[in-house]
């Protein structure tokens, strides 16, 4: 997201980003776990000629209940509440 801005400041952190994604097991969320709404948006985008891809997440999809709690946990972590 900020790669260009970091490069403009002389900072190349690409290798660190890749290593972090591997260590945290960050991957695109499998389409079979997407909600009905997300699937509808993806179909509409495809109809309009856009290719949407599932977001990168560090959630174990096998434990996903489609409740949105994982987003709340991340926000609490970022705010120092966990």
N, C-alpha and C. Protein backbone atom coordinates (compact mmCIF):
# COMPACT_ATOMS: atom_id res chain seq x y z
N UNK A 1 0.82 -1.19 0.00
CA UNK A 1 0.00 0.00 0.00
C UNK A 1 0.87 1.26 0.00
N UNK A 2 1.88 1.29 0.83
CA UNK A 2 2.74 2.46 0.92
C UNK A 2 4.09 2.22 0.26
N UNK A 3 4.19 1.18 -0.55
CA UNK A 3 5.47 0.81 -1.13
C UNK A 3 6.09 1.96 -1.89
N UNK A 4 5.30 2.63 -2.74
CA UNK A 4 5.84 3.73 -3.53
C UNK A 4 6.34 4.86 -2.63
N UNK A 5 5.55 5.19 -1.61
CA UNK A 5 5.95 6.26 -0.71
C UNK A 5 7.24 5.90 0.03
N UNK A 6 7.35 4.65 0.46
CA UNK A 6 8.57 4.22 1.14
C UNK A 6 9.77 4.25 0.21
N UNK A 7 9.57 3.79 -1.03
CA UNK A 7 10.66 3.82 -2.01
C UNK A 7 11.10 5.25 -2.28
N UNK A 8 10.13 6.18 -2.33
CA UNK A 8 10.46 7.59 -2.54
C UNK A 8 11.35 8.14 -1.42
N UNK A 9 11.27 7.53 -0.22
CA UNK A 9 12.10 7.94 0.91
C UNK A 9 13.38 7.12 1.01
N UNK A 10 13.58 6.23 0.01
CA UNK A 10 14.79 5.41 0.00
C UNK A 10 14.68 4.14 0.83
N UNK A 11 13.47 3.76 1.20
CA UNK A 11 13.27 2.56 2.00
C UNK A 11 12.64 1.46 1.15
N UNK A 12 13.35 0.36 0.98
CA UNK A 12 12.82 -0.79 0.25
C UNK A 12 12.56 -1.90 1.25
N UNK A 13 11.30 -2.06 1.62
CA UNK A 13 10.91 -3.05 2.62
C UNK A 13 10.17 -4.23 2.00
N UNK A 14 10.26 -4.38 0.69
CA UNK A 14 9.53 -5.45 0.00
C UNK A 14 9.83 -6.83 0.58
N UNK A 15 11.11 -7.13 0.81
CA UNK A 15 11.47 -8.44 1.37
C UNK A 15 10.86 -8.64 2.76
N UNK A 16 10.84 -7.58 3.56
CA UNK A 16 10.27 -7.67 4.91
C UNK A 16 8.76 -7.88 4.83
N UNK A 17 8.10 -7.22 3.89
CA UNK A 17 6.65 -7.41 3.72
C UNK A 17 6.35 -8.85 3.32
N UNK A 18 7.11 -9.39 2.40
CA UNK A 18 6.91 -10.77 1.95
C UNK A 18 7.13 -11.74 3.10
N UNK A 19 8.21 -11.52 3.87
CA UNK A 19 8.51 -12.39 5.02
C UNK A 19 7.39 -12.33 6.06
N UNK A 20 6.88 -11.14 6.32
CA UNK A 20 5.80 -10.96 7.29
C UNK A 20 4.54 -11.69 6.84
N UNK A 21 4.21 -11.57 5.56
CA UNK A 21 3.02 -12.25 5.04
C UNK A 21 3.15 -13.77 5.18
N UNK A 22 4.35 -14.28 4.95
CA UNK A 22 4.56 -15.73 5.09
C UNK A 22 4.45 -16.14 6.56
N UNK A 23 5.11 -15.39 7.46
CA UNK A 23 5.10 -15.74 8.88
C UNK A 23 3.69 -15.69 9.48
N UNK A 24 2.89 -14.73 9.03
CA UNK A 24 1.55 -14.56 9.56
C UNK A 24 0.51 -15.37 8.79
N UNK A 25 0.97 -16.10 7.77
CA UNK A 25 0.08 -16.90 6.93
C UNK A 25 -1.04 -16.03 6.32
N UNK A 26 -0.63 -14.90 5.75
CA UNK A 26 -1.58 -13.99 5.12
C UNK A 26 -1.80 -14.45 3.68
N UNK A 27 -3.06 -14.74 3.38
CA UNK A 27 -3.43 -15.24 2.05
C UNK A 27 -4.76 -14.67 1.63
N UNK A 28 -5.07 -14.73 0.33
CA UNK A 28 -6.42 -14.34 -0.09
C UNK A 28 -7.44 -15.25 0.59
N UNK A 29 -8.51 -14.68 1.04
CA UNK A 29 -9.55 -15.46 1.70
C UNK A 29 -10.23 -16.33 0.66
N UNK A 30 -10.34 -17.65 0.90
CA UNK A 30 -10.95 -18.55 -0.09
C UNK A 30 -12.38 -18.12 -0.44
N UNK A 31 -12.68 -18.14 -1.73
CA UNK A 31 -14.00 -17.69 -2.20
C UNK A 31 -15.14 -18.48 -1.59
N UNK A 32 -14.90 -19.75 -1.25
CA UNK A 32 -16.00 -20.57 -0.71
C UNK A 32 -16.48 -20.06 0.66
N UNK A 33 -15.69 -19.18 1.29
CA UNK A 33 -16.07 -18.64 2.60
C UNK A 33 -16.66 -17.24 2.51
N UNK A 34 -16.79 -16.71 1.31
CA UNK A 34 -17.33 -15.36 1.16
C UNK A 34 -18.82 -15.35 1.47
N UNK A 35 -19.29 -14.22 1.95
CA UNK A 35 -20.71 -14.08 2.26
C UNK A 35 -21.51 -13.93 0.97
N UNK A 36 -22.81 -14.05 1.09
CA UNK A 36 -23.70 -13.88 -0.07
C UNK A 36 -23.52 -12.49 -0.67
N UNK A 37 -23.41 -11.49 0.19
CA UNK A 37 -23.21 -10.12 -0.30
C UNK A 37 -21.91 -9.95 -1.07
N UNK A 38 -20.83 -10.52 -0.54
CA UNK A 38 -19.53 -10.44 -1.22
C UNK A 38 -19.58 -11.14 -2.57
N UNK A 39 -20.25 -12.29 -2.62
CA UNK A 39 -20.38 -13.00 -3.89
C UNK A 39 -21.20 -12.20 -4.89
N UNK A 40 -22.23 -11.52 -4.43
CA UNK A 40 -23.05 -10.69 -5.32
C UNK A 40 -22.24 -9.54 -5.90
N UNK A 41 -21.42 -8.92 -5.06
CA UNK A 41 -20.57 -7.82 -5.52
C UNK A 41 -19.56 -8.33 -6.54
N UNK A 42 -18.97 -9.50 -6.28
CA UNK A 42 -17.99 -10.06 -7.22
C UNK A 42 -18.65 -10.39 -8.57
N UNK A 43 -19.87 -10.93 -8.53
CA UNK A 43 -20.58 -11.23 -9.78
C UNK A 43 -20.89 -9.96 -10.56
N UNK A 44 -21.36 -8.92 -9.84
CA UNK A 44 -21.67 -7.65 -10.50
C UNK A 44 -20.42 -7.03 -11.12
N UNK A 45 -19.32 -7.09 -10.39
CA UNK A 45 -18.06 -6.55 -10.91
C UNK A 45 -17.64 -7.29 -12.17
N UNK A 46 -17.77 -8.60 -12.14
CA UNK A 46 -17.40 -9.41 -13.31
C UNK A 46 -18.26 -9.04 -14.51
N UNK A 47 -19.55 -8.84 -14.27
CA UNK A 47 -20.47 -8.44 -15.34
C UNK A 47 -20.03 -7.12 -15.96
N UNK A 48 -19.49 -6.24 -15.15
CA UNK A 48 -19.03 -4.93 -15.63
C UNK A 48 -17.61 -4.96 -16.18
N UNK A 49 -16.98 -6.13 -16.16
CA UNK A 49 -15.64 -6.27 -16.71
C UNK A 49 -14.51 -6.09 -15.72
N UNK A 50 -14.84 -6.04 -14.45
CA UNK A 50 -13.81 -5.90 -13.42
C UNK A 50 -13.49 -7.25 -12.80
N UNK A 51 -12.25 -7.43 -12.41
CA UNK A 51 -11.87 -8.67 -11.72
C UNK A 51 -11.56 -8.33 -10.27
N UNK A 52 -12.44 -8.76 -9.40
CA UNK A 52 -12.22 -8.54 -7.97
C UNK A 52 -11.57 -9.78 -7.40
N UNK A 53 -10.71 -9.57 -6.41
CA UNK A 53 -10.05 -10.67 -5.74
C UNK A 53 -10.35 -10.60 -4.25
N UNK A 54 -10.48 -11.76 -3.60
CA UNK A 54 -10.71 -11.74 -2.16
C UNK A 54 -9.56 -11.04 -1.43
N UNK A 55 -9.91 -10.37 -0.34
CA UNK A 55 -8.91 -9.65 0.46
C UNK A 55 -7.89 -10.60 1.07
N UNK A 56 -6.69 -10.07 1.25
CA UNK A 56 -5.68 -10.82 2.00
C UNK A 56 -6.05 -10.75 3.47
N UNK A 57 -5.99 -11.91 4.13
CA UNK A 57 -6.35 -11.96 5.56
C UNK A 57 -5.41 -12.89 6.29
N UNK A 58 -5.27 -12.68 7.58
CA UNK A 58 -4.51 -13.63 8.38
C UNK A 58 -5.47 -14.31 9.36
N UNK A 59 -6.51 -14.87 8.76
CA UNK A 59 -7.56 -15.59 9.48
C UNK A 59 -7.52 -17.03 9.00
N UNK A 60 -7.70 -17.97 9.93
CA UNK A 60 -7.80 -19.37 9.54
C UNK A 60 -9.19 -19.58 8.96
N UNK A 61 -9.31 -19.74 7.63
CA UNK A 61 -10.63 -19.84 7.03
C UNK A 61 -11.43 -21.04 7.52
N UNK A 62 -10.75 -22.08 7.98
CA UNK A 62 -11.45 -23.26 8.49
C UNK A 62 -12.22 -22.95 9.78
N UNK A 63 -11.82 -21.89 10.47
CA UNK A 63 -12.49 -21.50 11.71
C UNK A 63 -13.49 -20.36 11.50
N UNK A 64 -13.61 -19.91 10.25
CA UNK A 64 -14.47 -18.77 9.94
C UNK A 64 -15.94 -19.10 10.14
N UNK A 65 -16.63 -18.18 10.85
CA UNK A 65 -18.07 -18.32 11.08
C UNK A 65 -18.85 -17.23 10.35
N UNK A 66 -18.14 -16.42 9.55
CA UNK A 66 -18.74 -15.30 8.81
C UNK A 66 -19.44 -14.32 9.75
N UNK A 67 -18.83 -14.07 10.92
CA UNK A 67 -19.45 -13.19 11.91
C UNK A 67 -18.83 -11.79 11.95
N UNK A 68 -17.65 -11.61 11.36
CA UNK A 68 -16.98 -10.32 11.37
C UNK A 68 -16.16 -10.04 12.62
N UNK A 69 -16.13 -10.96 13.56
CA UNK A 69 -15.40 -10.75 14.81
C UNK A 69 -13.90 -10.60 14.60
N UNK A 70 -13.36 -11.25 13.55
CA UNK A 70 -11.92 -11.16 13.32
C UNK A 70 -11.49 -9.71 13.07
N UNK A 71 -12.35 -8.95 12.40
CA UNK A 71 -12.04 -7.54 12.15
C UNK A 71 -12.00 -6.76 13.46
N UNK A 72 -12.92 -7.08 14.36
CA UNK A 72 -12.95 -6.40 15.65
C UNK A 72 -11.72 -6.72 16.48
N UNK A 73 -11.27 -7.97 16.43
CA UNK A 73 -10.07 -8.37 17.17
C UNK A 73 -8.86 -7.60 16.66
N UNK A 74 -8.73 -7.48 15.34
CA UNK A 74 -7.61 -6.74 14.76
C UNK A 74 -7.65 -5.28 15.21
N UNK A 75 -8.82 -4.66 15.19
CA UNK A 75 -8.94 -3.27 15.62
C UNK A 75 -8.55 -3.12 17.09
N UNK A 76 -8.96 -4.06 17.92
CA UNK A 76 -8.60 -4.01 19.33
C UNK A 76 -7.09 -4.17 19.51
N UNK A 77 -6.49 -5.04 18.71
CA UNK A 77 -5.03 -5.23 18.78
C UNK A 77 -4.32 -3.94 18.41
N UNK A 78 -4.79 -3.30 17.33
CA UNK A 78 -4.15 -2.08 16.87
C UNK A 78 -4.30 -0.95 17.87
N UNK A 79 -5.38 -0.97 18.64
CA UNK A 79 -5.63 0.07 19.64
C UNK A 79 -5.05 -0.28 21.00
N UNK A 80 -4.31 -1.39 21.08
CA UNK A 80 -3.67 -1.78 22.34
C UNK A 80 -4.64 -2.33 23.37
N UNK A 81 -5.81 -2.76 22.93
CA UNK A 81 -6.81 -3.27 23.86
C UNK A 81 -6.66 -4.77 24.08
N UNK A 82 -5.80 -5.42 23.32
CA UNK A 82 -5.55 -6.87 23.51
C UNK A 82 -4.06 -7.11 23.69
